[in-house]
PDB file of N, CA and C in Angstrom:
ATOM      1  N   UNK A   1      11.046 -28.560  57.852  1.00  0.00           N
ATOM      2  CA  UNK A   1      12.284 -28.402  58.151  1.00  0.00           C
ATOM      3  C   UNK A   1      12.663 -29.879  57.818  1.00  0.00           C
ATOM      4  N   UNK A   2      14.294 -29.461  57.115  1.00  0.00           N
ATOM      5  CA  UNK A   2      15.025 -30.640  56.891  1.00  0.00           C
ATOM      6  C   UNK A   2      16.354 -30.873  57.823  1.00  0.00           C
ATOM      7  N   UNK A   3      16.594 -31.948  57.635  1.00  0.00           N
ATOM      8  CA  UNK A   3      17.245 -32.608  58.946  1.00  0.00           C
ATOM      9  C   UNK A   3      18.401 -33.205  58.436  1.00  0.00           C
ATOM     10  N   UNK A   4      19.467 -33.094  58.996  1.00  0.00           N
ATOM     11  CA  UNK A   4      21.127 -33.879  58.070  1.00  0.00           C
ATOM     12  C   UNK A   4      21.618 -33.178  56.941  1.00  0.00           C
ATOM     13  N   UNK A   5      21.123 -31.344  56.529  1.00  0.00           N
ATOM     14  CA  UNK A   5      22.048 -30.746  55.749  1.00  0.00           C
ATOM     15  C   UNK A   5      21.263 -31.197  53.925  1.00  0.00           C
ATOM     16  N   UNK A   6      20.397 -32.030  54.227  1.00  0.00           N
ATOM     17  CA  UNK A   6      19.661 -31.895  53.224  1.00  0.00           C
ATOM     18  C   UNK A   6      18.100 -31.227  52.786  1.00  0.00           C
ATOM     19  N   UNK A   7      17.755 -30.592  51.944  1.00  0.00           N
ATOM     20  CA  UNK A   7      16.918 -29.624  51.395  1.00  0.00           C
ATOM     21  C   UNK A   7      15.866 -30.126  50.893  1.00  0.00           C
ATOM     22  N   UNK A   8      14.921 -29.377  50.625  1.00  0.00           N
ATOM     23  CA  UNK A   8      13.581 -30.366  50.032  1.00  0.00           C
ATOM     24  C   UNK A   8      14.342 -30.659  48.672  1.00  0.00           C
ATOM     25  N   UNK A   9      14.764 -29.635  47.739  1.00  0.00           N
ATOM     26  CA  UNK A   9      15.519 -29.634  46.452  1.00  0.00           C
ATOM     27  C   UNK A   9      15.853 -30.977  46.076  1.00  0.00           C
ATOM     28  N   UNK A  10      17.034 -31.255  47.163  1.00  0.00           N
ATOM     29  CA  UNK A  10      17.331 -32.275  47.228  1.00  0.00           C
ATOM     30  C   UNK A  10      16.885 -33.669  46.952  1.00  0.00           C
ATOM     31  N   UNK A  11      16.025 -33.356  48.127  1.00  0.00           N
ATOM     32  CA  UNK A  11      14.733 -34.591  48.243  1.00  0.00           C
ATOM     33  C   UNK A  11      14.240 -35.002  46.786  1.00  0.00           C
ATOM     34  N   UNK A  12      13.722 -33.874  46.306  1.00  0.00           N
ATOM     35  CA  UNK A  12      13.213 -33.730  44.813  1.00  0.00           C
ATOM     36  C   UNK A  12      13.984 -34.207  43.978  1.00  0.00           C
ATOM     37  N   UNK A  13      15.051 -33.715  43.734  1.00  0.00           N
ATOM     38  CA  UNK A  13      15.974 -34.363  42.748  1.00  0.00           C
ATOM     39  C   UNK A  13      16.173 -35.912  42.865  1.00  0.00           C
ATOM     40  N   UNK A  14      16.362 -36.460  44.012  1.00  0.00           N
ATOM     41  CA  UNK A  14      16.796 -37.739  44.528  1.00  0.00           C
ATOM     42  C   UNK A  14      15.396 -38.599  44.194  1.00  0.00           C
ATOM     43  N   UNK A  15      13.916 -37.898  44.310  1.00  0.00           N
ATOM     44  CA  UNK A  15      12.884 -38.703  44.090  1.00  0.00           C
ATOM     45  C   UNK A  15      12.791 -39.045  42.541  1.00  0.00           C
ATOM     46  N   UNK A  16      13.471 -37.711  41.883  1.00  0.00           N
ATOM     47  CA  UNK A  16      13.402 -37.355  40.269  1.00  0.00           C
ATOM     48  C   UNK A  16      14.181 -39.163  39.767  1.00  0.00           C
ATOM     49  N   UNK A  17      15.038 -39.085  40.062  1.00  0.00           N
ATOM     50  CA  UNK A  17      15.865 -39.838  39.953  1.00  0.00           C
ATOM     51  C   UNK A  17      15.871 -41.309  39.829  1.00  0.00           C
ATOM     52  N   UNK A  18      15.092 -41.465  41.390  1.00  0.00           N
ATOM     53  CA  UNK A  18      14.261 -42.518  41.401  1.00  0.00           C
ATOM     54  C   UNK A  18      13.210 -42.927  40.696  1.00  0.00           C
ATOM     55  N   UNK A  19      12.600 -42.374  40.082  1.00  0.00           N
ATOM     56  CA  UNK A  19      11.231 -42.452  39.268  1.00  0.00           C
ATOM     57  C   UNK A  19      11.994 -42.867  37.895  1.00  0.00           C
ATOM     58  N   UNK A  20      12.981 -41.948  37.522  1.00  0.00           N
ATOM     59  CA  UNK A  20      13.666 -42.177  35.992  1.00  0.00           C
ATOM     60  C   UNK A  20      14.597 -43.631  35.940  1.00  0.00           C
ATOM     61  N   UNK A  21      14.922 -43.821  37.351  1.00  0.00           N
ATOM     62  CA  UNK A  21      15.674 -45.160  37.290  1.00  0.00           C
ATOM     63  C   UNK A  21      14.532 -45.936  37.164  1.00  0.00           C
ATOM     64  N   UNK A  22      13.310 -46.249  37.761  1.00  0.00           N
ATOM     65  CA  UNK A  22      12.184 -47.229  37.946  1.00  0.00           C
ATOM     66  C   UNK A  22      11.864 -47.501  36.164  1.00  0.00           C
ATOM     67  N   UNK A  23      11.754 -46.288  35.610  1.00  0.00           N
ATOM     68  CA  UNK A  23      11.377 -46.132  34.116  1.00  0.00           C
ATOM     69  C   UNK A  23      12.205 -46.495  33.476  1.00  0.00           C
ATOM     70  N   UNK A  24      13.399 -46.502  33.518  1.00  0.00           N
ATOM     71  CA  UNK A  24      14.807 -47.086  32.858  1.00  0.00           C
ATOM     72  C   UNK A  24      14.497 -48.613  33.053  1.00  0.00           C
ATOM     73  N   UNK A  25      14.402 -48.906  33.918  1.00  0.00           N
ATOM     74  CA  UNK A  25      14.132 -50.403  34.600  1.00  0.00           C
ATOM     75  C   UNK A  25      13.132 -51.185  33.339  1.00  0.00           C
ATOM     76  N   UNK A  26      11.979 -50.195  33.751  1.00  0.00           N
ATOM     77  CA  UNK A  26      10.830 -50.789  32.780  1.00  0.00           C
ATOM     78  C   UNK A  26      10.929 -51.035  31.149  1.00  0.00           C
ATOM     79  N   UNK A  27      11.638 -49.628  30.777  1.00  0.00           N
ATOM     80  CA  UNK A  27      12.051 -49.922  29.534  1.00  0.00           C
ATOM     81  C   UNK A  27      12.683 -50.815  29.181  1.00  0.00           C
ATOM     82  N   UNK A  28      13.726 -51.088  30.121  1.00  0.00           N
ATOM     83  CA  UNK A  28      14.842 -51.624  29.310  1.00  0.00           C
ATOM     84  C   UNK A  28      14.433 -53.543  29.057  1.00  0.00           C
ATOM     85  N   UNK A  29      13.707 -53.617  30.371  1.00  0.00           N
ATOM     86  CA  UNK A  29      12.851 -55.100  30.721  1.00  0.00           C
ATOM     87  C   UNK A  29      12.035 -55.319  29.817  1.00  0.00           C
ATOM     88  N   UNK A  30      11.323 -54.333  28.403  1.00  0.00           N
ATOM     89  CA  UNK A  30      10.358 -54.956  28.092  1.00  0.00           C
ATOM     90  C   UNK A  30       9.015 -54.658  28.010  1.00  0.00           C
ATOM     91  N   UNK A  31       8.922 -54.259  29.701  1.00  0.00           N
ATOM     92  CA  UNK A  31       7.678 -54.498  30.192  1.00  0.00           C
ATOM     93  C   UNK A  31       6.561 -53.465  29.436  1.00  0.00           C
ATOM     94  N   UNK A  32       7.144 -52.670  28.661  1.00  0.00           N
ATOM     95  CA  UNK A  32       6.643 -51.570  28.408  1.00  0.00           C
ATOM     96  C   UNK A  32       5.983 -51.522  26.977  1.00  0.00           C
ATOM     97  N   UNK A  33       6.894 -52.874  26.343  1.00  0.00           N
ATOM     98  CA  UNK A  33       6.289 -53.237  24.741  1.00  0.00           C
ATOM     99  C   UNK A  33       5.265 -53.508  24.613  1.00  0.00           C
ATOM    100  N   UNK A  34       4.557 -52.574  23.511  1.00  0.00           N
ATOM    101  CA  UNK A  34       3.158 -52.683  22.945  1.00  0.00           C
ATOM    102  C   UNK A  34       2.354 -51.968  24.412  1.00  0.00           C
ATOM    103  N   UNK A  35       2.611 -51.152  24.989  1.00  0.00           N
ATOM    104  CA  UNK A  35       1.949 -50.471  25.986  1.00  0.00           C
ATOM    105  C   UNK A  35       1.997 -49.245  25.352  1.00  0.00           C
ATOM    106  N   UNK A  36       0.828 -48.501  25.323  1.00  0.00           N
ATOM    107  CA  UNK A  36       0.329 -46.892  25.315  1.00  0.00           C
ATOM    108  C   UNK A  36       0.856 -46.183  26.066  1.00  0.00           C
ATOM    109  N   UNK A  37       1.530 -45.311  25.230  1.00  0.00           N
ATOM    110  CA  UNK A  37       2.610 -43.998  26.373  1.00  0.00           C
ATOM    111  C   UNK A  37       2.501 -42.634  25.688  1.00  0.00           C
ATOM    112  N   UNK A  38       2.497 -41.575  26.279  1.00  0.00           N
ATOM    113  CA  UNK A  38       2.916 -40.485  26.061  1.00  0.00           C
ATOM    114  C   UNK A  38       3.709 -39.847  26.419  1.00  0.00           C
ATOM    115  N   UNK A  39       4.083 -38.920  25.112  1.00  0.00           N
ATOM    116  CA  UNK A  39       5.464 -38.089  24.794  1.00  0.00           C
ATOM    117  C   UNK A  39       5.506 -37.062  25.668  1.00  0.00           C
ATOM    118  N   UNK A  40       6.556 -36.520  25.798  1.00  0.00           N
ATOM    119  CA  UNK A  40       6.831 -35.365  26.533  1.00  0.00           C
ATOM    120  C   UNK A  40       5.728 -34.074  25.536  1.00  0.00           C
ATOM    121  N   UNK A  41       5.955 -33.894  24.237  1.00  0.00           N
ATOM    122  CA  UNK A  41       5.178 -33.434  23.353  1.00  0.00           C
ATOM    123  C   UNK A  41       3.743 -33.526  23.481  1.00  0.00           C
ATOM    124  N   UNK A  42       2.793 -34.302  24.029  1.00  0.00           N
ATOM    125  CA  UNK A  42       2.064 -34.724  24.330  1.00  0.00           C
ATOM    126  C   UNK A  42       1.460 -35.926  23.033  1.00  0.00           C
ATOM    127  N   UNK A  43       2.010 -36.089  22.073  1.00  0.00           N
ATOM    128  CA  UNK A  43       1.741 -37.610  21.417  1.00  0.00           C
ATOM    129  C   UNK A  43       1.842 -38.971  22.127  1.00  0.00           C
ATOM    130  N   UNK A  44       1.003 -39.583  21.550  1.00  0.00           N
ATOM    131  CA  UNK A  44       0.648 -41.012  21.840  1.00  0.00           C
ATOM    132  C   UNK A  44       1.936 -42.179  21.445  1.00  0.00           C
ATOM    133  N   UNK A  45       2.464 -42.923  22.040  1.00  0.00           N
ATOM    134  CA  UNK A  45       3.185 -43.979  21.315  1.00  0.00           C
ATOM    135  C   UNK A  45       3.302 -45.268  21.602  1.00  0.00           C
ATOM    136  N   UNK A  46       3.734 -45.963  21.155  1.00  0.00           N
ATOM    137  CA  UNK A  46       3.440 -47.554  21.557  1.00  0.00           C
ATOM    138  C   UNK A  46       5.038 -47.956  21.058  1.00  0.00           C
ATOM    139  N   UNK A  47       5.681 -48.714  22.295  1.00  0.00           N
ATOM    140  CA  UNK A  47       7.059 -49.258  22.395  1.00  0.00           C
ATOM    141  C   UNK A  47       7.159 -50.365  21.351  1.00  0.00           C
ATOM    142  N   UNK A  48       8.038 -50.546  20.143  1.00  0.00           N
ATOM    143  CA  UNK A  48       7.512 -51.802  19.341  1.00  0.00           C
ATOM    144  C   UNK A  48       9.051 -52.515  19.962  1.00  0.00           C
ATOM    145  N   UNK A  49      10.305 -51.394  20.031  1.00  0.00           N
ATOM    146  CA  UNK A  49      11.865 -52.571  20.586  1.00  0.00           C
ATOM    147  C   UNK A  49      12.070 -51.348  21.419  1.00  0.00           C
ATOM    148  N   UNK A  50      12.833 -51.657  22.761  1.00  0.00           N
ATOM    149  CA  UNK A  50      13.246 -50.881  23.505  1.00  0.00           C
ATOM    150  C   UNK A  50      14.558 -50.225  22.837  1.00  0.00           C
ATOM    151  N   UNK A  51      14.834 -50.644  22.780  1.00  0.00           N
ATOM    152  CA  UNK A  51      16.575 -50.440  22.105  1.00  0.00           C
ATOM    153  C   UNK A  51      17.674 -50.954  22.763  1.00  0.00           C
ATOM    154  N   UNK A  52      18.926 -50.700  23.091  1.00  0.00           N
ATOM    155  CA  UNK A  52      19.764 -51.268  23.874  1.00  0.00           C
ATOM    156  C   UNK A  52      20.373 -49.839  24.715  1.00  0.00           C
ATOM    157  N   UNK A  53      20.609 -50.058  25.967  1.00  0.00           N
ATOM    158  CA  UNK A  53      21.127 -49.017  26.820  1.00  0.00           C
ATOM    159  C   UNK A  53      22.312 -48.575  26.840  1.00  0.00           C
ATOM    160  N   UNK A  54      22.212 -47.307  27.037  1.00  0.00           N
ATOM    161  CA  UNK A  54      23.272 -46.432  26.399  1.00  0.00           C
ATOM    162  C   UNK A  54      24.165 -46.592  27.802  1.00  0.00           C
ATOM    163  N   UNK A  55      25.735 -45.957  27.649  1.00  0.00           N
ATOM    164  CA  UNK A  55      26.551 -46.024  28.805  1.00  0.00           C
ATOM    165  C   UNK A  55      26.855 -45.141  29.566  1.00  0.00           C
ATOM    166  N   UNK A  56      25.321 -44.281  29.426  1.00  0.00           N
ATOM    167  CA  UNK A  56      25.899 -42.826  30.925  1.00  0.00           C
ATOM    168  C   UNK A  56      25.930 -41.727  30.261  1.00  0.00           C
ATOM    169  N   UNK A  57      26.782 -41.638  28.808  1.00  0.00           N
ATOM    170  CA  UNK A  57      27.301 -40.398  28.231  1.00  0.00           C
ATOM    171  C   UNK A  57      26.386 -39.737  27.346  1.00  0.00           C
ATOM    172  N   UNK A  58      25.096 -40.324  27.001  1.00  0.00           N
ATOM    173  CA  UNK A  58      24.391 -39.932  25.965  1.00  0.00           C
ATOM    174  C   UNK A  58      22.626 -40.619  26.129  1.00  0.00           C
ATOM    175  N   UNK A  59      22.296 -40.685  24.970  1.00  0.00           N
ATOM    176  CA  UNK A  59      20.994 -41.258  25.288  1.00  0.00           C
ATOM    177  C   UNK A  59      20.960 -42.443  26.519  1.00  0.00           C
ATOM    178  N   UNK A  60      19.734 -42.552  26.977  1.00  0.00           N
ATOM    179  CA  UNK A  60      19.466 -43.601  27.711  1.00  0.00           C
ATOM    180  C   UNK A  60      19.388 -44.736  26.709  1.00  0.00           C
ATOM    181  N   UNK A  61      18.839 -45.155  25.984  1.00  0.00           N
ATOM    182  CA  UNK A  61      18.470 -46.222  25.057  1.00  0.00           C
ATOM    183  C   UNK A  61      18.825 -45.714  23.465  1.00  0.00           C
ATOM    184  N   UNK A  62      19.800 -46.896  22.965  1.00  0.00           N
ATOM    185  CA  UNK A  62      19.813 -46.424  21.526  1.00  0.00           C
ATOM    186  C   UNK A  62      19.237 -47.500  20.751  1.00  0.00           C
ATOM    187  N   UNK A  63      18.831 -47.257  19.540  1.00  0.00           N
ATOM    188  CA  UNK A  63      17.972 -48.207  18.729  1.00  0.00           C
ATOM    189  C   UNK A  63      16.851 -48.396  18.698  1.00  0.00           C
ATOM    190  N   UNK A  64      15.745 -47.723  19.869  1.00  0.00           N
ATOM    191  CA  UNK A  64      14.384 -47.827  19.964  1.00  0.00           C
ATOM    192  C   UNK A  64      13.838 -47.705  18.882  1.00  0.00           C
ATOM    193  N   UNK A  65      12.606 -48.446  18.624  1.00  0.00           N
ATOM    194  CA  UNK A  65      11.871 -48.553  17.953  1.00  0.00           C
ATOM    195  C   UNK A  65      10.101 -48.075  18.345  1.00  0.00           C
ATOM    196  N   UNK A  66       9.507 -46.892  17.795  1.00  0.00           N
ATOM    197  CA  UNK A  66       8.314 -46.647  18.158  1.00  0.00           C
ATOM    198  C   UNK A  66       7.225 -46.516  17.285  1.00  0.00           C
ATOM    199  N   UNK A  67       6.061 -46.539  17.412  1.00  0.00           N
ATOM    200  CA  UNK A  67       4.826 -46.627  16.341  1.00  0.00           C
ATOM    201  C   UNK A  67       4.150 -45.135  16.940  1.00  0.00           C
ATOM    202  N   UNK A  68       3.727 -43.993  16.728  1.00  0.00           N
ATOM    203  CA  UNK A  68       2.972 -43.294  16.818  1.00  0.00           C
ATOM    204  C   UNK A  68       1.604 -43.654  16.584  1.00  0.00           C
ATOM    205  N   UNK A  69       0.833 -43.504  17.633  1.00  0.00           N
ATOM    206  CA  UNK A  69      -0.864 -43.680  17.363  1.00  0.00           C
ATOM    207  C   UNK A  69      -1.499 -42.728  16.245  1.00  0.00           C
ATOM    208  N   UNK A  70      -1.141 -42.016  16.058  1.00  0.00           N
ATOM    209  CA  UNK A  70      -1.147 -41.227  15.060  1.00  0.00           C
ATOM    210  C   UNK A  70      -0.895 -41.437  13.626  1.00  0.00           C
ATOM    211  N   UNK A  71      -0.265 -42.488  13.305  1.00  0.00           N
ATOM    212  CA  UNK A  71       0.054 -42.818  12.187  1.00  0.00           C
ATOM    213  C   UNK A  71       2.076 -42.639  12.019  1.00  0.00           C
ATOM    214  N   UNK A  72       2.497 -43.518  11.823  1.00  0.00           N
ATOM    215  CA  UNK A  72       4.178 -43.380  11.659  1.00  0.00           C
ATOM    216  C   UNK A  72       4.776 -43.847  12.597  1.00  0.00           C
ATOM    217  N   UNK A  73       6.105 -44.215  12.376  1.00  0.00           N
ATOM    218  CA  UNK A  73       7.102 -44.834  12.757  1.00  0.00           C
ATOM    219  C   UNK A  73       8.425 -44.223  13.525  1.00  0.00           C
ATOM    220  N   UNK A  74       8.933 -44.340  14.488  1.00  0.00           N
ATOM    221  CA  UNK A  74      10.315 -43.827  14.384  1.00  0.00           C
ATOM    222  C   UNK A  74      11.680 -44.618  14.803  1.00  0.00           C
ATOM    223  N   UNK A  75      12.407 -44.555  14.671  1.00  0.00           N
ATOM    224  CA  UNK A  75      13.595 -45.536  15.182  1.00  0.00           C
ATOM    225  C   UNK A  75      14.722 -44.485  15.233  1.00  0.00           C
ATOM    226  N   UNK A  76      15.142 -44.786  16.484  1.00  0.00           N
ATOM    227  CA  UNK A  76      16.579 -44.043  16.918  1.00  0.00           C
ATOM    228  C   UNK A  76      17.004 -44.241  18.395  1.00  0.00           C
ATOM    229  N   UNK A  77      17.120 -42.766  18.822  1.00  0.00           N
ATOM    230  CA  UNK A  77      17.728 -43.069  20.396  1.00  0.00           C
ATOM    231  C   UNK A  77      16.333 -42.570  21.325  1.00  0.00           C
ATOM    232  N   UNK A  78      16.339 -42.522  22.527  1.00  0.00           N
ATOM    233  CA  UNK A  78      15.896 -42.519  23.708  1.00  0.00           C
ATOM    234  C   UNK A  78      16.287 -41.982  24.622  1.00  0.00           C
ATOM    235  N   UNK A  79      15.753 -40.667  24.831  1.00  0.00           N
ATOM    236  CA  UNK A  79      16.112 -40.403  26.615  1.00  0.00           C
ATOM    237  C   UNK A  79      14.913 -40.158  27.255  1.00  0.00           C
ATOM    238  N   UNK A  80      14.951 -40.904  28.407  1.00  0.00           N
ATOM    239  CA  UNK A  80      13.890 -40.834  29.464  1.00  0.00           C
ATOM    240  C   UNK A  80      13.620 -39.530  30.538  1.00  0.00           C
ATOM    241  N   UNK A  81      12.180 -38.727  31.157  1.00  0.00           N
ATOM    242  CA  UNK A  81      12.750 -38.321  31.710  1.00  0.00           C
ATOM    243  C   UNK A  81      11.428 -38.409  32.287  1.00  0.00           C
ATOM    244  N   UNK A  82      11.272 -38.073  33.810  1.00  0.00           N
ATOM    245  CA  UNK A  82       9.897 -37.934  34.466  1.00  0.00           C
ATOM    246  C   UNK A  82       9.553 -36.638  35.023  1.00  0.00           C
TER     247      UNK A  82
END
């Protein structure tokens, strides 16, 4: 049962924003550079360059570089989701 007017949906949204904020902090700091990660479509990738933080009205990061572990590289904007 929720108290203080908050619902379980609101709590879930706050938790998702907090997790996404933590991920963005790790991404921006370069901590994930060289780490093997998984994209939303299931492909494995490695961060070569995290890019520059966005301004909040578009992608989370601009000018990032990643290497796909199955071959190839991509450069461009990154939108993080958890």
